[in-house]
Amino acid sequence: MTRQKHKTNDDLLALLSVVDLQSSVAVYTQVENHIQFAISSGRLKPGDQLPAVRELAESLKVNVNTVSKAYRDLVVMGLLYTRRGMGVFVSTDIEEKCKEDCRRRVLTRLNEVVCESRAAGFGDKEVVEIVNKVLKLKSNPAGGLAPALQAYLRLRK
């Protein structure tokens, strides 16, 4: 296996630094999700080295234990591995498993949202309209309700 240093620290830090400290989703969970989705989408490849715990914690402005927990959980899941004195790396042969796990999670959540929407009285056309608005926003999944969607709510009153 060929280990490679990640693209650049700046690129990877930017990829992993999209967390919302105000979100109800724990920061370590957000970091885990970003790494899982990056592996699933191919932005992180087997052998890529992740930023050091301290480096990512400083970038996120969070405690090192938060990043350490995220990395530890992903090691337990088999998505990452550590090399003493060398760092944390993306495991080999996990892309398809990761992709399948991510698809399952996303489809489960989409199903829940559509079912909740119908139960709340949304029509199918309105659900599709909202989904189209969300697709155009390209917002952070842990970032709360985007201003454009807040404006949509105000228009619907």
Protein backbone atom coordinates (compact mmCIF):
# COMPACT_ATOMS: atom_id res chain seq x y z
CA MET A 1 0.00 0.00 0.00
CA THR A 2 1.29 3.41 -0.89
CA ARG A 3 0.74 5.99 1.82
CA GLN A 4 0.43 9.51 0.65
CA LYS A 5 0.36 12.80 2.45
CA HIS A 6 -3.03 14.41 1.84
CA LYS A 7 -3.41 16.86 -1.01
CA THR A 8 -2.43 19.88 1.04
CA ASN A 9 -3.06 20.68 4.66
CA ASP A 10 -5.13 23.67 3.58
CA ASP A 11 -7.38 21.58 1.29
CA LEU A 12 -8.03 18.92 3.89
CA LEU A 13 -8.45 21.39 6.73
CA ALA A 14 -11.01 23.26 4.62
CA LEU A 15 -12.85 20.00 3.93
CA LEU A 16 -12.97 19.01 7.59
CA SER A 17 -13.42 22.47 9.08
CA VAL A 18 -17.04 22.90 8.13
CA VAL A 19 -18.57 22.38 11.53
CA ASP A 20 -21.26 24.37 13.23
CA LEU A 21 -20.53 24.95 16.90
CA GLN A 22 -24.17 26.03 17.40
CA SER A 23 -25.59 22.82 15.94
CA SER A 24 -27.41 20.25 18.06
CA VAL A 25 -25.12 17.66 16.40
CA ALA A 26 -22.00 17.11 18.50
CA VAL A 27 -18.81 18.48 16.92
CA TYR A 28 -17.05 15.10 17.04
CA THR A 29 -20.04 13.59 15.18
CA GLN A 30 -19.86 16.35 12.57
CA VAL A 31 -16.14 15.62 12.06
CA GLU A 32 -16.87 11.89 11.78
CA ASN A 33 -19.63 12.56 9.25
CA HIS A 34 -17.43 14.85 7.14
CA ILE A 35 -14.68 12.23 7.02
CA GLN A 36 -17.13 9.44 6.17
CA PHE A 37 -18.76 11.49 3.41
CA ALA A 38 -15.33 12.53 2.07
CA ILE A 39 -14.29 8.88 1.84
CA SER A 40 -17.62 7.92 0.28
CA SER A 41 -17.37 10.66 -2.35
CA GLY A 42 -13.72 9.92 -3.15
CA ARG A 43 -12.38 13.25 -1.86
CA LEU A 44 -10.40 11.22 0.70
CA LYS A 45 -8.65 8.18 -0.72
CA PRO A 46 -7.08 5.10 0.87
CA GLY A 47 -3.69 6.02 2.31
CA ASP A 48 -4.46 9.75 2.58
CA GLN A 49 -3.08 11.20 5.77
CA LEU A 50 -5.42 13.28 7.90
CA PRO A 51 -4.33 16.39 9.77
CA ALA A 52 -2.83 15.87 13.21
CA VAL A 53 -5.37 15.98 16.04
CA ARG A 54 -3.93 19.19 17.43
CA GLU A 55 -3.82 20.86 14.01
CA LEU A 56 -7.46 20.07 13.23
CA ALA A 57 -8.56 21.06 16.75
CA GLU A 58 -6.86 24.44 16.35
CA SER A 59 -8.46 24.92 12.94
CA LEU A 60 -11.92 24.10 14.36
CA LYS A 61 -11.27 26.03 17.59
CA VAL A 62 -12.30 23.01 19.66
CA ASN A 63 -10.70 20.88 22.34
CA VAL A 64 -8.18 18.28 21.10
CA ASN A 65 -10.24 15.60 22.88
CA THR A 66 -13.13 16.32 20.49
CA VAL A 67 -11.05 15.58 17.39
CA SER A 68 -9.31 12.70 19.15
CA LYS A 69 -12.70 11.08 19.86
CA ALA A 70 -13.79 11.46 16.22
CA TYR A 71 -10.57 9.87 14.97
CA ARG A 72 -10.76 7.09 17.60
CA ASP A 73 -14.38 6.26 16.63
CA LEU A 74 -13.43 6.11 12.94
CA VAL A 75 -10.48 3.83 13.76
CA VAL A 76 -12.86 1.51 15.66
CA MET A 77 -15.18 1.52 12.60
CA GLY A 78 -12.21 0.52 10.44
CA LEU A 79 -12.27 3.66 8.29
CA LEU A 80 -8.99 5.05 9.63
CA TYR A 81 -5.83 3.58 11.07
CA THR A 82 -2.98 5.08 13.03
CA ARG A 83 0.75 4.62 12.72
CA ARG A 84 2.63 5.52 15.87
CA GLY A 85 4.68 8.60 15.25
CA MET A 86 3.38 8.97 11.70
CA GLY A 87 -0.26 9.97 12.01
CA VAL A 88 -3.77 8.95 11.02
CA PHE A 89 -4.56 7.54 7.57
CA VAL A 90 -7.57 6.43 5.54
CA SER A 91 -7.83 2.64 5.51
CA THR A 92 -7.70 0.61 2.32
CA ASP A 93 -10.61 -1.31 0.86
CA ILE A 94 -13.27 0.64 2.75
CA GLU A 95 -14.58 2.95 0.02
CA GLU A 96 -17.50 0.72 -1.04
CA LYS A 97 -18.47 -0.13 2.54
CA CYS A 98 -18.32 3.54 3.44
CA LYS A 99 -20.30 4.52 0.34
CA GLU A 100 -22.98 1.92 1.11
CA ASP A 101 -23.20 3.01 4.77
CA CYS A 102 -23.52 6.66 3.76
CA ARG A 103 -26.18 5.88 1.16
CA ARG A 104 -28.16 3.87 3.70
CA ARG A 105 -27.98 6.69 6.28
CA VAL A 106 -28.98 9.36 3.76
CA LEU A 107 -31.85 7.33 2.30
CA THR A 108 -33.15 6.52 5.79
CA ARG A 109 -33.11 10.21 6.72
CA LEU A 110 -34.71 11.23 3.41
CA ASN A 111 -37.48 8.70 3.95
CA GLU A 112 -38.06 10.03 7.48
CA VAL A 113 -38.18 13.63 6.23
CA VAL A 114 -40.61 12.87 3.41
CA CYS A 115 -42.87 10.89 5.77
CA GLU A 116 -42.74 13.68 8.37
CA SER A 117 -43.48 16.25 5.65
CA ARG A 118 -46.60 14.39 4.55
CA ALA A 119 -47.69 13.90 8.17
CA ALA A 120 -47.28 17.67 8.70
CA GLY A 121 -49.52 18.41 5.72
CA PHE A 122 -46.95 19.26 3.05
CA GLY A 123 -48.02 18.38 -0.47
CA ASP A 124 -45.70 16.41 -2.71
CA LYS A 125 -45.14 19.45 -4.96
CA GLU A 126 -44.11 21.55 -1.97
CA VAL A 127 -41.67 18.88 -0.76
CA VAL A 128 -40.08 18.74 -4.23
CA GLU A 129 -39.93 22.56 -4.34
CA ILE A 130 -38.15 22.64 -0.96
CA VAL A 131 -35.72 19.91 -1.99
CA ASN A 132 -34.87 21.86 -5.14
CA LYS A 133 -34.20 24.98 -3.05
CA VAL A 134 -31.94 23.00 -0.71
CA LEU A 135 -30.03 21.52 -3.65
CA LYS A 136 -29.31 25.00 -4.98
CA LEU A 137 -28.06 26.23 -1.58
CA LYS A 138 -25.19 23.73 -1.17
CA SER A 139 -25.31 24.45 2.57
CA ASN A 140 -23.58 22.75 5.49
CA PRO A 141 -25.60 19.76 6.75
CA ALA A 142 -25.04 20.75 10.38
CA GLY A 143 -25.54 24.44 9.77
CA GLY A 144 -29.15 24.84 10.76
CA LEU A 145 -31.82 26.42 8.58
CA ALA A 146 -30.27 28.48 5.78
CA PRO A 147 -31.46 32.10 5.46
CA ALA A 148 -33.03 31.33 2.06
CA LEU A 149 -35.18 28.64 3.68
CA GLN A 150 -36.07 30.96 6.54
CA ALA A 151 -37.29 33.43 3.91
CA TYR A 152 -39.29 30.61 2.27
CA LEU A 153 -40.99 29.94 5.63
CA ARG A 154 -41.91 33.61 6.00
CA LEU A 155 -43.47 33.62 2.49
CA ARG A 156 -45.61 30.59 3.35
CA LYS A 157 -47.26 32.17 6.44
